N, C-alpha and C. Protein backbone atom coordinates (compact mmCIF):
# COMPACT_ATOMS: atom_id res chain seq x y z
N UNK A 1 0.85 -1.20 0.00
CA UNK A 1 0.00 0.00 0.00
C UNK A 1 0.89 1.25 0.00
N UNK A 2 0.65 2.12 -0.96
CA UNK A 2 1.41 3.37 -1.01
C UNK A 2 0.85 4.35 0.01
N UNK A 3 1.64 5.39 0.29
CA UNK A 3 1.22 6.39 1.27
C UNK A 3 -0.03 7.13 0.82
N UNK A 4 -0.11 7.43 -0.48
CA UNK A 4 -1.28 8.15 -0.98
C UNK A 4 -2.53 7.26 -0.95
N UNK A 5 -2.37 5.97 -1.18
CA UNK A 5 -3.50 5.06 -1.03
C UNK A 5 -3.97 5.01 0.42
N UNK A 6 -3.00 5.05 1.33
CA UNK A 6 -3.36 5.07 2.75
C UNK A 6 -4.19 6.30 3.09
N UNK A 7 -3.81 7.46 2.55
CA UNK A 7 -4.55 8.69 2.83
C UNK A 7 -5.97 8.61 2.27
N UNK A 8 -6.10 8.10 1.05
CA UNK A 8 -7.44 8.00 0.45
C UNK A 8 -8.34 7.04 1.21
N UNK A 9 -7.78 5.94 1.64
CA UNK A 9 -8.59 4.91 2.29
C UNK A 9 -8.86 5.22 3.76
N UNK A 10 -8.09 6.11 4.36
CA UNK A 10 -8.25 6.41 5.79
C UNK A 10 -8.39 7.92 6.01
N UNK A 11 -9.10 8.58 5.12
CA UNK A 11 -9.20 10.03 5.16
C UNK A 11 -9.83 10.52 6.47
N UNK A 12 -10.81 9.79 6.99
CA UNK A 12 -11.48 10.22 8.22
C UNK A 12 -10.50 10.30 9.39
N UNK A 13 -9.55 9.39 9.41
CA UNK A 13 -8.56 9.41 10.49
C UNK A 13 -7.37 10.32 10.16
N UNK A 14 -7.02 10.39 8.90
CA UNK A 14 -5.86 11.19 8.49
C UNK A 14 -6.16 12.68 8.54
N UNK A 15 -7.41 13.05 8.28
CA UNK A 15 -7.77 14.47 8.20
C UNK A 15 -7.42 15.26 9.46
N UNK A 16 -7.71 14.76 10.66
CA UNK A 16 -7.31 15.54 11.85
C UNK A 16 -5.81 15.78 11.95
N UNK A 17 -5.02 14.79 11.55
CA UNK A 17 -3.56 14.97 11.59
C UNK A 17 -3.13 16.03 10.58
N UNK A 18 -3.73 15.98 9.39
CA UNK A 18 -3.39 16.98 8.37
C UNK A 18 -3.82 18.38 8.79
N UNK A 19 -4.98 18.48 9.44
CA UNK A 19 -5.43 19.78 9.94
C UNK A 19 -4.49 20.31 11.03
N UNK A 20 -4.05 19.41 11.92
CA UNK A 20 -3.10 19.82 12.95
C UNK A 20 -1.80 20.32 12.31
N UNK A 21 -1.33 19.62 11.27
CA UNK A 21 -0.13 20.06 10.58
C UNK A 21 -0.30 21.41 9.90
N UNK A 22 -1.50 21.64 9.33
CA UNK A 22 -1.77 22.92 8.67
C UNK A 22 -1.77 24.07 9.67
N UNK A 23 -2.43 23.86 10.81
CA UNK A 23 -2.42 24.89 11.85
C UNK A 23 -1.01 25.14 12.36
N UNK A 24 -0.23 24.07 12.50
CA UNK A 24 1.14 24.23 12.96
C UNK A 24 1.98 25.06 12.00
N UNK A 25 1.82 24.82 10.70
CA UNK A 25 2.56 25.59 9.70
C UNK A 25 2.17 27.07 9.76
N UNK A 26 0.87 27.33 9.91
CA UNK A 26 0.40 28.72 9.98
C UNK A 26 0.97 29.43 11.21
N UNK A 27 0.98 28.74 12.34
CA UNK A 27 1.51 29.34 13.56
C UNK A 27 3.01 29.60 13.43
N UNK A 28 3.73 28.65 12.86
CA UNK A 28 5.18 28.82 12.71
C UNK A 28 5.49 30.03 11.82
N UNK A 29 4.79 30.16 10.71
CA UNK A 29 5.04 31.29 9.81
C UNK A 29 4.75 32.61 10.51
N UNK A 30 3.60 32.68 11.19
CA UNK A 30 3.23 33.93 11.88
C UNK A 30 4.21 34.28 12.98
N UNK A 31 4.64 33.28 13.76
CA UNK A 31 5.56 33.53 14.86
C UNK A 31 6.96 33.89 14.38
N UNK A 32 7.41 33.26 13.31
CA UNK A 32 8.73 33.58 12.76
C UNK A 32 8.76 35.03 12.29
N UNK A 33 7.73 35.44 11.58
CA UNK A 33 7.66 36.83 11.11
C UNK A 33 7.64 37.80 12.29
N UNK A 34 6.85 37.47 13.31
CA UNK A 34 6.72 38.36 14.47
C UNK A 34 8.01 38.44 15.27
N UNK A 35 8.61 37.30 15.57
CA UNK A 35 9.76 37.27 16.47
C UNK A 35 11.06 37.70 15.81
N UNK A 36 11.14 37.55 14.50
CA UNK A 36 12.38 37.89 13.81
C UNK A 36 12.31 39.17 12.99
N UNK A 37 11.08 39.68 12.77
CA UNK A 37 10.94 40.88 11.94
C UNK A 37 10.13 41.98 12.62
N UNK A 38 8.94 41.64 13.11
CA UNK A 38 8.02 42.64 13.64
C UNK A 38 8.47 43.19 14.98
N UNK A 39 8.79 42.34 15.93
CA UNK A 39 9.08 42.79 17.30
C UNK A 39 10.48 43.38 17.49
N UNK A 40 11.54 42.80 16.95
CA UNK A 40 12.87 43.38 17.19
C UNK A 40 13.02 44.77 16.57
N UNK A 41 13.78 45.60 17.26
CA UNK A 41 14.05 46.95 16.78
C UNK A 41 15.49 47.00 16.28
N UNK A 42 15.65 47.34 15.01
CA UNK A 42 16.98 47.45 14.45
C UNK A 42 17.78 48.54 15.16
N UNK A 43 19.00 48.23 15.50
CA UNK A 43 19.88 49.17 16.21
C UNK A 43 19.20 49.67 17.48
N UNK A 44 18.82 48.74 18.34
CA UNK A 44 18.17 49.11 19.59
C UNK A 44 19.09 49.93 20.48
N UNK A 45 20.40 49.64 20.41
CA UNK A 45 21.36 50.41 21.21
C UNK A 45 21.37 51.87 20.78
N UNK A 46 21.41 52.10 19.47
CA UNK A 46 21.39 53.47 18.97
C UNK A 46 20.09 54.18 19.32
N UNK A 47 18.98 53.46 19.26
CA UNK A 47 17.68 54.04 19.61
C UNK A 47 17.66 54.48 21.07
N UNK A 48 18.18 53.63 21.95
CA UNK A 48 18.17 53.99 23.37
C UNK A 48 19.11 55.16 23.65
N UNK A 49 20.22 55.21 22.94
CA UNK A 49 21.14 56.35 23.11
C UNK A 49 20.45 57.65 22.72
N UNK A 50 19.69 57.62 21.64
CA UNK A 50 18.97 58.81 21.20
C UNK A 50 17.93 59.23 22.22
N UNK A 51 17.21 58.25 22.76
CA UNK A 51 16.22 58.54 23.79
C UNK A 51 16.90 59.11 25.03
N UNK A 52 18.05 58.55 25.39
CA UNK A 52 18.77 59.02 26.57
C UNK A 52 19.16 60.49 26.45
N UNK A 53 19.64 60.87 25.29
CA UNK A 53 20.03 62.27 25.08
C UNK A 53 18.84 63.20 25.20
N UNK A 54 17.70 62.80 24.65
CA UNK A 54 16.50 63.63 24.72
C UNK A 54 16.00 63.73 26.16
N UNK A 55 16.01 62.63 26.88
CA UNK A 55 15.52 62.63 28.27
C UNK A 55 16.43 63.48 29.15
N UNK A 56 17.74 63.31 29.04
CA UNK A 56 18.67 64.08 29.86
C UNK A 56 18.63 65.56 29.53
N UNK A 57 18.22 65.89 28.31
CA UNK A 57 18.07 67.29 27.91
C UNK A 57 16.71 67.85 28.31
N UNK A 58 15.87 67.04 28.91
CA UNK A 58 14.55 67.49 29.34
C UNK A 58 13.51 67.50 28.24
N UNK A 59 13.82 66.89 27.10
CA UNK A 59 12.88 66.88 25.98
C UNK A 59 12.07 65.58 26.01
N UNK A 60 11.25 65.46 27.04
CA UNK A 60 10.48 64.23 27.23
C UNK A 60 9.44 64.04 26.14
N UNK A 61 8.83 65.14 25.71
CA UNK A 61 7.82 65.02 24.66
C UNK A 61 8.44 64.52 23.36
N UNK A 62 9.61 65.03 23.04
CA UNK A 62 10.30 64.57 21.83
C UNK A 62 10.69 63.10 21.95
N UNK A 63 11.11 62.70 23.15
CA UNK A 63 11.46 61.30 23.37
C UNK A 63 10.24 60.40 23.21
N UNK A 64 9.09 60.87 23.72
CA UNK A 64 7.86 60.09 23.57
C UNK A 64 7.44 59.99 22.11
N UNK A 65 7.60 61.06 21.36
CA UNK A 65 7.26 61.04 19.93
C UNK A 65 8.19 60.10 19.16
N UNK A 66 9.42 60.03 19.60
CA UNK A 66 10.37 59.12 18.96
C UNK A 66 9.93 57.67 19.16
N UNK A 67 9.40 57.37 20.33
CA UNK A 67 8.88 56.02 20.60
C UNK A 67 7.63 55.74 19.76
N UNK A 68 6.84 56.77 19.52
CA UNK A 68 5.61 56.60 18.73
C UNK A 68 5.89 56.20 17.29
N UNK A 69 7.11 56.42 16.84
CA UNK A 69 7.46 56.04 15.47
C UNK A 69 7.52 54.53 15.29
N UNK A 70 7.57 53.80 16.39
CA UNK A 70 7.69 52.33 16.33
C UNK A 70 6.57 51.69 17.15
N UNK A 71 5.32 51.82 16.69
CA UNK A 71 4.19 51.31 17.49
C UNK A 71 4.17 49.79 17.66
N UNK A 72 4.81 49.07 16.75
CA UNK A 72 4.79 47.61 16.83
C UNK A 72 5.99 47.04 17.57
N UNK A 73 6.86 47.90 18.07
CA UNK A 73 8.07 47.43 18.74
C UNK A 73 7.88 47.44 20.26
N UNK A 74 7.96 46.28 20.91
CA UNK A 74 7.81 46.24 22.37
C UNK A 74 8.80 47.12 23.11
N UNK A 75 10.02 47.23 22.61
CA UNK A 75 11.03 48.05 23.26
C UNK A 75 10.58 49.50 23.36
N UNK A 76 10.05 50.04 22.26
CA UNK A 76 9.57 51.41 22.25
C UNK A 76 8.39 51.59 23.21
N UNK A 77 7.54 50.59 23.29
CA UNK A 77 6.39 50.66 24.19
C UNK A 77 6.83 50.74 25.64
N UNK A 78 7.82 49.95 26.01
CA UNK A 78 8.30 49.95 27.39
C UNK A 78 8.94 51.29 27.74
N UNK A 79 9.77 51.80 26.85
CA UNK A 79 10.44 53.07 27.12
C UNK A 79 9.42 54.19 27.22
N UNK A 80 8.42 54.19 26.35
CA UNK A 80 7.40 55.23 26.40
C UNK A 80 6.60 55.17 27.70
N UNK A 81 6.35 53.97 28.19
CA UNK A 81 5.65 53.82 29.47
C UNK A 81 6.43 54.49 30.59
N UNK A 82 7.74 54.26 30.60
CA UNK A 82 8.55 54.90 31.63
C UNK A 82 8.57 56.41 31.49
N UNK A 83 8.68 56.90 30.27
CA UNK A 83 8.72 58.35 30.04
C UNK A 83 7.39 59.00 30.45
N UNK A 84 6.28 58.34 30.13
CA UNK A 84 4.98 58.91 30.46
C UNK A 84 4.74 59.01 31.96
N UNK A 85 5.51 58.26 32.76
CA UNK A 85 5.38 58.32 34.22
C UNK A 85 6.55 59.01 34.87
N UNK A 86 7.34 59.73 34.11
CA UNK A 86 8.56 60.32 34.65
C UNK A 86 8.29 61.37 35.73
N UNK A 87 7.08 61.95 35.75
CA UNK A 87 6.73 62.96 36.75
C UNK A 87 6.19 62.35 38.04
N UNK A 88 6.07 61.03 38.07
CA UNK A 88 5.50 60.34 39.21
C UNK A 88 6.61 59.77 40.10
N UNK A 89 6.25 59.32 41.31
CA UNK A 89 7.27 58.72 42.20
C UNK A 89 7.93 57.49 41.57
N UNK A 90 9.10 57.18 42.09
CA UNK A 90 9.90 56.09 41.52
C UNK A 90 9.17 54.75 41.55
N UNK A 91 8.45 54.47 42.64
CA UNK A 91 7.74 53.19 42.73
C UNK A 91 6.65 53.07 41.67
N UNK A 92 6.00 54.19 41.36
CA UNK A 92 4.95 54.17 40.34
C UNK A 92 5.56 53.93 38.96
N UNK A 93 6.70 54.54 38.71
CA UNK A 93 7.40 54.30 37.43
C UNK A 93 7.79 52.83 37.31
N UNK A 94 8.32 52.29 38.40
CA UNK A 94 8.77 50.90 38.39
C UNK A 94 7.59 49.94 38.17
N UNK A 95 6.46 50.23 38.83
CA UNK A 95 5.27 49.40 38.64
C UNK A 95 4.78 49.46 37.19
N UNK A 96 4.80 50.64 36.61
CA UNK A 96 4.38 50.79 35.22
C UNK A 96 5.27 50.01 34.27
N UNK A 97 6.57 50.02 34.53
CA UNK A 97 7.50 49.27 33.68
C UNK A 97 7.27 47.76 33.83
N UNK A 98 6.99 47.31 35.05
CA UNK A 98 6.70 45.89 35.27
C UNK A 98 5.44 45.47 34.50
N UNK A 99 4.43 46.32 34.53
CA UNK A 99 3.19 46.01 33.81
C UNK A 99 3.45 45.96 32.31
N UNK A 100 4.23 46.93 31.82
CA UNK A 100 4.55 46.96 30.38
C UNK A 100 5.32 45.72 29.96
N UNK A 101 6.29 45.31 30.77
CA UNK A 101 7.07 44.11 30.45
C UNK A 101 6.18 42.87 30.46
N UNK A 102 5.25 42.82 31.42
CA UNK A 102 4.33 41.68 31.49
C UNK A 102 3.45 41.61 30.25
N UNK A 103 2.93 42.76 29.82
CA UNK A 103 2.10 42.79 28.61
C UNK A 103 2.89 42.36 27.38
N UNK A 104 4.10 42.87 27.29
CA UNK A 104 4.96 42.54 26.14
C UNK A 104 5.32 41.06 26.14
N UNK A 105 5.56 40.50 27.33
CA UNK A 105 5.89 39.08 27.43
C UNK A 105 4.75 38.22 26.91
N UNK A 106 3.52 38.57 27.27
CA UNK A 106 2.36 37.82 26.78
C UNK A 106 2.25 37.92 25.26
N UNK A 107 2.54 39.10 24.74
CA UNK A 107 2.49 39.28 23.28
C UNK A 107 3.54 38.44 22.58
N UNK A 108 4.74 38.40 23.14
CA UNK A 108 5.83 37.66 22.52
C UNK A 108 5.57 36.15 22.57
N UNK A 109 4.98 35.67 23.65
CA UNK A 109 4.80 34.23 23.84
C UNK A 109 3.51 33.68 23.26
N UNK A 110 2.61 34.55 22.84
CA UNK A 110 1.28 34.06 22.42
C UNK A 110 1.39 33.12 21.21
N UNK A 111 0.56 32.09 21.25
CA UNK A 111 0.42 31.07 20.21
C UNK A 111 1.60 30.11 20.08
N UNK A 112 2.74 30.44 20.65
CA UNK A 112 3.88 29.53 20.53
C UNK A 112 3.62 28.20 21.23
N UNK A 113 2.95 28.24 22.38
CA UNK A 113 2.69 27.02 23.13
C UNK A 113 1.77 26.06 22.38
N UNK A 114 1.01 26.58 21.42
CA UNK A 114 0.12 25.70 20.65
C UNK A 114 0.91 24.65 19.86
N UNK A 115 2.16 24.98 19.51
CA UNK A 115 2.95 24.04 18.74
C UNK A 115 3.26 22.77 19.54
N UNK A 116 3.50 22.92 20.83
CA UNK A 116 3.72 21.75 21.67
C UNK A 116 2.46 20.90 21.75
N UNK A 117 1.31 21.58 21.84
CA UNK A 117 0.04 20.85 21.87
C UNK A 117 -0.19 20.10 20.56
N UNK A 118 0.08 20.77 19.45
CA UNK A 118 -0.09 20.14 18.14
C UNK A 118 0.81 18.92 18.01
N UNK A 119 2.04 19.03 18.47
CA UNK A 119 2.97 17.90 18.39
C UNK A 119 2.46 16.71 19.21
N UNK A 120 1.97 16.97 20.40
CA UNK A 120 1.46 15.88 21.24
C UNK A 120 0.21 15.25 20.64
N UNK A 121 -0.69 16.11 20.15
CA UNK A 121 -1.94 15.59 19.56
C UNK A 121 -1.64 14.77 18.30
N UNK A 122 -0.74 15.26 17.46
CA UNK A 122 -0.41 14.53 16.24
C UNK A 122 0.20 13.16 16.56
N UNK A 123 1.06 13.13 17.59
CA UNK A 123 1.65 11.85 17.99
C UNK A 123 0.58 10.87 18.47
N UNK A 124 -0.34 11.37 19.27
CA UNK A 124 -1.41 10.50 19.80
C UNK A 124 -2.35 10.05 18.69
N UNK A 125 -2.65 10.94 17.75
CA UNK A 125 -3.50 10.55 16.63
C UNK A 125 -2.82 9.49 15.76
N UNK A 126 -1.51 9.64 15.57
CA UNK A 126 -0.78 8.61 14.83
C UNK A 126 -0.79 7.28 15.55
N UNK A 127 -0.64 7.32 16.88
CA UNK A 127 -0.71 6.08 17.66
C UNK A 127 -2.10 5.46 17.59
N UNK A 128 -3.12 6.30 17.63
CA UNK A 128 -4.49 5.79 17.50
C UNK A 128 -4.68 5.10 16.15
N UNK A 129 -4.15 5.72 15.09
CA UNK A 129 -4.24 5.11 13.77
C UNK A 129 -3.51 3.78 13.70
N UNK A 130 -2.38 3.70 14.41
CA UNK A 130 -1.64 2.43 14.46
C UNK A 130 -2.47 1.33 15.10
N UNK A 131 -3.08 1.66 16.22
CA UNK A 131 -3.90 0.67 16.93
C UNK A 131 -5.10 0.25 16.08
N UNK A 132 -5.76 1.24 15.46
CA UNK A 132 -6.91 0.92 14.62
C UNK A 132 -6.50 0.03 13.45
N UNK A 133 -5.36 0.34 12.83
CA UNK A 133 -4.87 -0.46 11.72
C UNK A 133 -4.58 -1.90 12.13
N UNK A 134 -3.97 -2.08 13.30
CA UNK A 134 -3.68 -3.43 13.78
C UNK A 134 -4.95 -4.19 14.12
N UNK A 135 -5.92 -3.50 14.70
CA UNK A 135 -7.19 -4.15 15.01
C UNK A 135 -7.87 -4.65 13.74
N UNK A 136 -7.91 -3.79 12.73
CA UNK A 136 -8.52 -4.18 11.46
C UNK A 136 -7.76 -5.34 10.81
N UNK A 137 -6.44 -5.31 10.95
CA UNK A 137 -5.63 -6.37 10.35
C UNK A 137 -5.93 -7.72 10.98
N UNK A 138 -5.97 -7.77 12.31
CA UNK A 138 -6.22 -9.05 12.98
C UNK A 138 -7.66 -9.51 12.82
N UNK A 139 -8.59 -8.57 12.74
CA UNK A 139 -9.98 -8.95 12.49
C UNK A 139 -10.12 -9.56 11.10
N UNK A 140 -9.45 -8.95 10.11
CA UNK A 140 -9.53 -9.46 8.75
C UNK A 140 -8.88 -10.83 8.64
N UNK A 141 -7.74 -11.00 9.33
CA UNK A 141 -7.06 -12.28 9.29
C UNK A 141 -7.91 -13.37 9.93
N UNK A 142 -8.64 -13.03 10.98
CA UNK A 142 -9.45 -14.01 11.67
C UNK A 142 -10.62 -14.52 10.85
N UNK A 143 -11.09 -13.72 9.89
CA UNK A 143 -12.24 -14.12 9.10
C UNK A 143 -11.89 -14.41 7.64
N UNK A 144 -10.63 -14.34 7.29
CA UNK A 144 -10.24 -14.51 5.89
C UNK A 144 -9.81 -15.95 5.63
N UNK A 145 -9.77 -16.24 4.34
CA UNK A 145 -9.27 -17.55 3.92
C UNK A 145 -7.77 -17.62 4.15
N UNK A 146 -7.25 -18.82 4.17
CA UNK A 146 -5.82 -19.01 4.42
C UNK A 146 -4.97 -18.32 3.37
N UNK A 147 -5.45 -18.29 2.12
CA UNK A 147 -4.66 -17.67 1.04
C UNK A 147 -4.66 -16.15 1.15
N UNK A 148 -5.67 -15.58 1.78
CA UNK A 148 -5.78 -14.12 1.86
C UNK A 148 -5.19 -13.55 3.15
N UNK A 149 -4.93 -14.41 4.10
CA UNK A 149 -4.47 -13.92 5.40
C UNK A 149 -3.19 -13.11 5.30
N UNK A 150 -2.23 -13.59 4.54
CA UNK A 150 -0.95 -12.90 4.43
C UNK A 150 -1.12 -11.50 3.84
N UNK A 151 -1.92 -11.40 2.78
CA UNK A 151 -2.12 -10.10 2.12
C UNK A 151 -2.86 -9.13 3.04
N UNK A 152 -3.88 -9.60 3.74
CA UNK A 152 -4.65 -8.73 4.63
C UNK A 152 -3.81 -8.28 5.83
N UNK A 153 -3.01 -9.19 6.34
CA UNK A 153 -2.15 -8.83 7.46
C UNK A 153 -1.12 -7.78 7.04
N UNK A 154 -0.55 -7.95 5.87
CA UNK A 154 0.42 -6.97 5.38
C UNK A 154 -0.22 -5.61 5.17
N UNK A 155 -1.44 -5.60 4.60
CA UNK A 155 -2.13 -4.33 4.37
C UNK A 155 -2.46 -3.65 5.69
N UNK A 156 -2.89 -4.41 6.70
CA UNK A 156 -3.21 -3.82 8.00
C UNK A 156 -1.99 -3.24 8.68
N UNK A 157 -0.88 -3.97 8.64
CA UNK A 157 0.35 -3.47 9.25
C UNK A 157 0.84 -2.22 8.52
N UNK A 158 0.72 -2.20 7.19
CA UNK A 158 1.12 -1.02 6.42
C UNK A 158 0.29 0.19 6.81
N UNK A 159 -1.02 -0.01 7.01
CA UNK A 159 -1.89 1.07 7.45
C UNK A 159 -1.46 1.60 8.82
N UNK A 160 -1.15 0.67 9.71
CA UNK A 160 -0.73 1.06 11.06
C UNK A 160 0.58 1.86 11.02
N UNK A 161 1.53 1.40 10.25
CA UNK A 161 2.82 2.08 10.18
C UNK A 161 2.71 3.45 9.50
N UNK A 162 1.87 3.54 8.47
CA UNK A 162 1.66 4.83 7.81
C UNK A 162 1.03 5.84 8.75
N UNK A 163 0.13 5.38 9.59
CA UNK A 163 -0.49 6.28 10.57
C UNK A 163 0.55 6.81 11.55
N UNK A 164 1.42 5.93 12.02
CA UNK A 164 2.50 6.35 12.92
C UNK A 164 3.42 7.35 12.23
N UNK A 165 3.80 7.06 11.00
CA UNK A 165 4.69 7.93 10.26
C UNK A 165 4.09 9.32 10.06
N UNK A 166 2.80 9.36 9.71
CA UNK A 166 2.15 10.65 9.47
C UNK A 166 2.09 11.47 10.75
N UNK A 167 1.76 10.81 11.87
CA UNK A 167 1.72 11.53 13.14
C UNK A 167 3.08 12.10 13.52
N UNK A 168 4.13 11.30 13.35
CA UNK A 168 5.48 11.77 13.68
C UNK A 168 5.97 12.83 12.70
N UNK A 169 5.53 12.73 11.44
CA UNK A 169 5.93 13.72 10.43
C UNK A 169 5.39 15.11 10.78
N UNK A 170 4.28 15.16 11.50
CA UNK A 170 3.74 16.44 11.97
C UNK A 170 4.36 16.83 13.30
N UNK A 171 4.52 15.85 14.20
CA UNK A 171 4.95 16.15 15.56
C UNK A 171 6.41 16.61 15.64
N UNK A 172 7.31 15.95 14.91
CA UNK A 172 8.73 16.27 15.03
C UNK A 172 9.06 17.70 14.58
N UNK A 173 8.62 18.13 13.37
CA UNK A 173 8.87 19.52 13.00
C UNK A 173 8.22 20.52 13.95
N UNK A 174 7.03 20.17 14.47
CA UNK A 174 6.35 21.08 15.39
C UNK A 174 7.16 21.26 16.67
N UNK A 175 7.74 20.18 17.19
CA UNK A 175 8.54 20.29 18.40
C UNK A 175 9.84 21.06 18.16
N UNK A 176 10.45 20.84 17.00
CA UNK A 176 11.67 21.59 16.67
C UNK A 176 11.37 23.07 16.56
N UNK A 177 10.29 23.40 15.85
CA UNK A 177 9.90 24.81 15.71
C UNK A 177 9.56 25.41 17.07
N UNK A 178 8.89 24.64 17.92
CA UNK A 178 8.54 25.12 19.26
C UNK A 178 9.79 25.47 20.05
N UNK A 179 10.78 24.60 20.03
CA UNK A 179 12.02 24.84 20.77
C UNK A 179 12.74 26.09 20.27
N UNK A 180 12.82 26.24 18.96
CA UNK A 180 13.51 27.40 18.38
C UNK A 180 12.78 28.70 18.70
N UNK A 181 11.46 28.67 18.59
CA UNK A 181 10.67 29.88 18.84
C UNK A 181 10.68 30.27 20.32
N UNK A 182 10.65 29.27 21.20
CA UNK A 182 10.72 29.57 22.63
C UNK A 182 12.07 30.19 22.98
N UNK A 183 13.13 29.68 22.39
CA UNK A 183 14.46 30.24 22.61
C UNK A 183 14.53 31.69 22.14
N UNK A 184 13.98 31.95 20.96
CA UNK A 184 13.96 33.32 20.45
C UNK A 184 13.10 34.22 21.32
N UNK A 185 11.97 33.71 21.79
CA UNK A 185 11.08 34.49 22.66
C UNK A 185 11.79 34.86 23.96
N UNK A 186 12.51 33.91 24.53
CA UNK A 186 13.24 34.18 25.77
C UNK A 186 14.31 35.25 25.58
N UNK A 187 14.95 35.24 24.42
CA UNK A 187 15.95 36.28 24.13
C UNK A 187 15.29 37.66 24.09
N UNK A 188 14.15 37.76 23.43
CA UNK A 188 13.45 39.05 23.34
C UNK A 188 12.96 39.50 24.70
N UNK A 189 12.45 38.56 25.49
CA UNK A 189 11.94 38.92 26.82
C UNK A 189 13.08 39.43 27.70
N UNK A 190 14.22 38.77 27.64
CA UNK A 190 15.39 39.24 28.40
C UNK A 190 15.79 40.64 27.95
N UNK A 191 15.70 40.88 26.66
CA UNK A 191 16.03 42.21 26.13
C UNK A 191 15.06 43.26 26.66
N UNK A 192 13.77 42.91 26.73
CA UNK A 192 12.77 43.84 27.23
C UNK A 192 12.98 44.14 28.71
N UNK A 193 13.31 43.12 29.49
CA UNK A 193 13.55 43.32 30.92
C UNK A 193 14.76 44.21 31.14
N UNK A 194 15.80 44.00 30.36
CA UNK A 194 16.98 44.86 30.46
C UNK A 194 16.64 46.30 30.09
N UNK A 195 15.82 46.47 29.06
CA UNK A 195 15.43 47.81 28.63
C UNK A 195 14.63 48.53 29.71
N UNK A 196 13.78 47.80 30.42
CA UNK A 196 13.00 48.43 31.49
C UNK A 196 13.91 48.90 32.62
N UNK A 197 14.92 48.09 32.93
CA UNK A 197 15.88 48.49 33.98
C UNK A 197 16.67 49.72 33.53
N UNK A 198 17.09 49.73 32.27
CA UNK A 198 17.85 50.87 31.76
C UNK A 198 16.99 52.13 31.71
N UNK A 199 15.71 51.97 31.40
CA UNK A 199 14.81 53.11 31.37
C UNK A 199 14.63 53.70 32.76
N UNK A 200 14.42 52.84 33.74
CA UNK A 200 14.28 53.32 35.11
C UNK A 200 15.55 54.01 35.58
N UNK A 201 16.69 53.44 35.26
CA UNK A 201 17.96 54.06 35.63
C UNK A 201 18.13 55.42 34.96
N UNK A 202 17.73 55.52 33.71
CA UNK A 202 17.83 56.79 32.98
C UNK A 202 16.97 57.87 33.64
N UNK A 203 15.76 57.51 34.03
CA UNK A 203 14.88 58.49 34.67
C UNK A 203 15.40 58.89 36.04
N UNK A 204 16.02 57.96 36.75
CA UNK A 204 16.63 58.30 38.03
C UNK A 204 17.78 59.28 37.83
N UNK A 205 18.59 59.02 36.81
CA UNK A 205 19.71 59.93 36.52
C UNK A 205 19.20 61.33 36.22
N UNK A 206 18.14 61.41 35.44
CA UNK A 206 17.58 62.73 35.10
C UNK A 206 17.07 63.43 36.35
N UNK A 207 16.38 62.69 37.21
CA UNK A 207 15.82 63.29 38.42
C UNK A 207 16.91 63.83 39.33
N UNK A 208 17.92 63.02 39.58
CA UNK A 208 18.98 63.46 40.50
C UNK A 208 19.87 64.52 39.88
N UNK A 209 19.99 64.49 38.56
CA UNK A 209 20.76 65.54 37.90
C UNK A 209 20.04 66.88 38.02
N UNK A 210 18.69 66.85 37.96
CA UNK A 210 17.92 68.09 38.10
C UNK A 210 17.92 68.57 39.55
N UNK A 211 17.88 67.64 40.50
CA UNK A 211 17.85 68.01 41.91
C UNK A 211 19.21 68.46 42.43
N UNK A 212 20.28 67.89 41.88
CA UNK A 212 21.62 68.19 42.37
C UNK A 212 22.53 68.56 41.21
N UNK A 213 22.37 69.75 40.65
CA UNK A 213 23.24 70.14 39.54
C UNK A 213 24.69 70.24 40.00
N UNK A 214 25.56 69.78 39.16
CA UNK A 214 26.98 69.78 39.50
C UNK A 214 27.55 71.19 39.37
N UNK A 215 28.12 71.67 40.47
CA UNK A 215 28.75 73.00 40.46
C UNK A 215 30.15 72.92 41.06
N UNK A 216 30.76 71.78 40.82
CA UNK A 216 32.09 71.57 41.42
C UNK A 216 33.11 72.48 40.78
N UNK A 217 34.08 72.96 41.61
CA UNK A 217 35.16 73.79 41.14
C UNK A 217 36.47 73.01 41.23
N UNK A 218 37.41 73.36 40.40
CA UNK A 218 38.71 72.67 40.48
C UNK A 218 39.32 72.84 41.86
N UNK A 219 39.80 71.75 42.41
CA UNK A 219 40.42 71.78 43.73
C UNK A 219 41.92 71.59 43.60
N UNK A 220 42.63 72.23 44.54
CA UNK A 220 44.09 72.10 44.51
C UNK A 220 44.49 70.74 45.02
N UNK A 221 45.65 70.31 44.63
CA UNK A 221 46.13 69.00 45.02
C UNK A 221 46.41 68.97 46.51
N UNK A 222 46.25 67.82 47.14
CA UNK A 222 46.50 67.72 48.58
C UNK A 222 47.92 68.18 48.91
N UNK A 223 48.00 68.97 50.01
CA UNK A 223 49.32 69.41 50.47
C UNK A 223 49.81 70.66 49.78
N UNK A 224 48.98 71.29 48.92
CA UNK A 224 49.43 72.50 48.24
C UNK A 224 48.38 73.57 48.39
N UNK A 225 48.70 74.79 48.22
CA UNK A 225 47.75 75.90 48.17
C UNK A 225 47.39 76.42 49.53
N UNK A 226 46.50 75.71 50.29
CA UNK A 226 45.93 76.25 51.50
C UNK A 226 46.93 76.28 52.66
N UNK A 227 47.77 75.25 52.72
CA UNK A 227 48.68 75.15 53.87
C UNK A 227 50.13 75.32 53.44
N UNK A 228 50.31 76.26 52.58
CA UNK A 228 51.66 76.49 52.09
C UNK A 228 52.43 77.33 53.13
N UNK A 229 53.56 76.83 53.54
CA UNK A 229 54.40 77.54 54.51
C UNK A 229 55.42 78.40 53.78
N UNK A 230 55.48 79.64 54.19
CA UNK A 230 56.44 80.55 53.59
C UNK A 230 57.68 80.63 54.48
N UNK A 231 58.80 80.58 53.88
CA UNK A 231 60.03 80.72 54.62
C UNK A 231 60.55 82.14 54.52
N UNK A 232 60.79 82.68 55.62
CA UNK A 232 61.36 84.01 55.66
C UNK A 232 62.86 83.95 55.45
């Protein structure tokens, strides 16, 4: 029995596995585009440096507008959240950044976990097909003539093995994609957490710089100037 014959003859059982594979492919494509193109900000270091200069110069509105240029970037969203609360107490700013990071984390991780579910379901459906194929094979052998037993047994075992193969053909790529996407998601989440810490630190620097402007004057070296002894 060829694989295509197996699909035609067992479409009712094969269809759920094929649907699971189709959903898995759609999720992988959407997540790859999101995690590798939509969410990351090109030259994030340069972007933060630009924001830092604007914030330290007191141009908070300009810094917020700069973040608005990247509405789909989680990094810009987190920084804007901190800037929008810059006039509030430090604890309120920190709470706002935690909330922003939590929201961004949910956005980054959404739908990725479905791939693990699809892999498990596809494996179980393949195993179910294997069991059904073996049951049909032994039932056919029990009621068949001696000359037909060998052919029916071979056909039943082929059906069972094809079901297992189809389930694994969906499950293995789904698990590989799940692992890669989770790793990428964790990298982005770590980046967002670091950005929130840097944003809070930047706002603290601005606050203390405004409260304590530096007015230091050059000081003479120890042992010179003030206690100079003159010899007569």
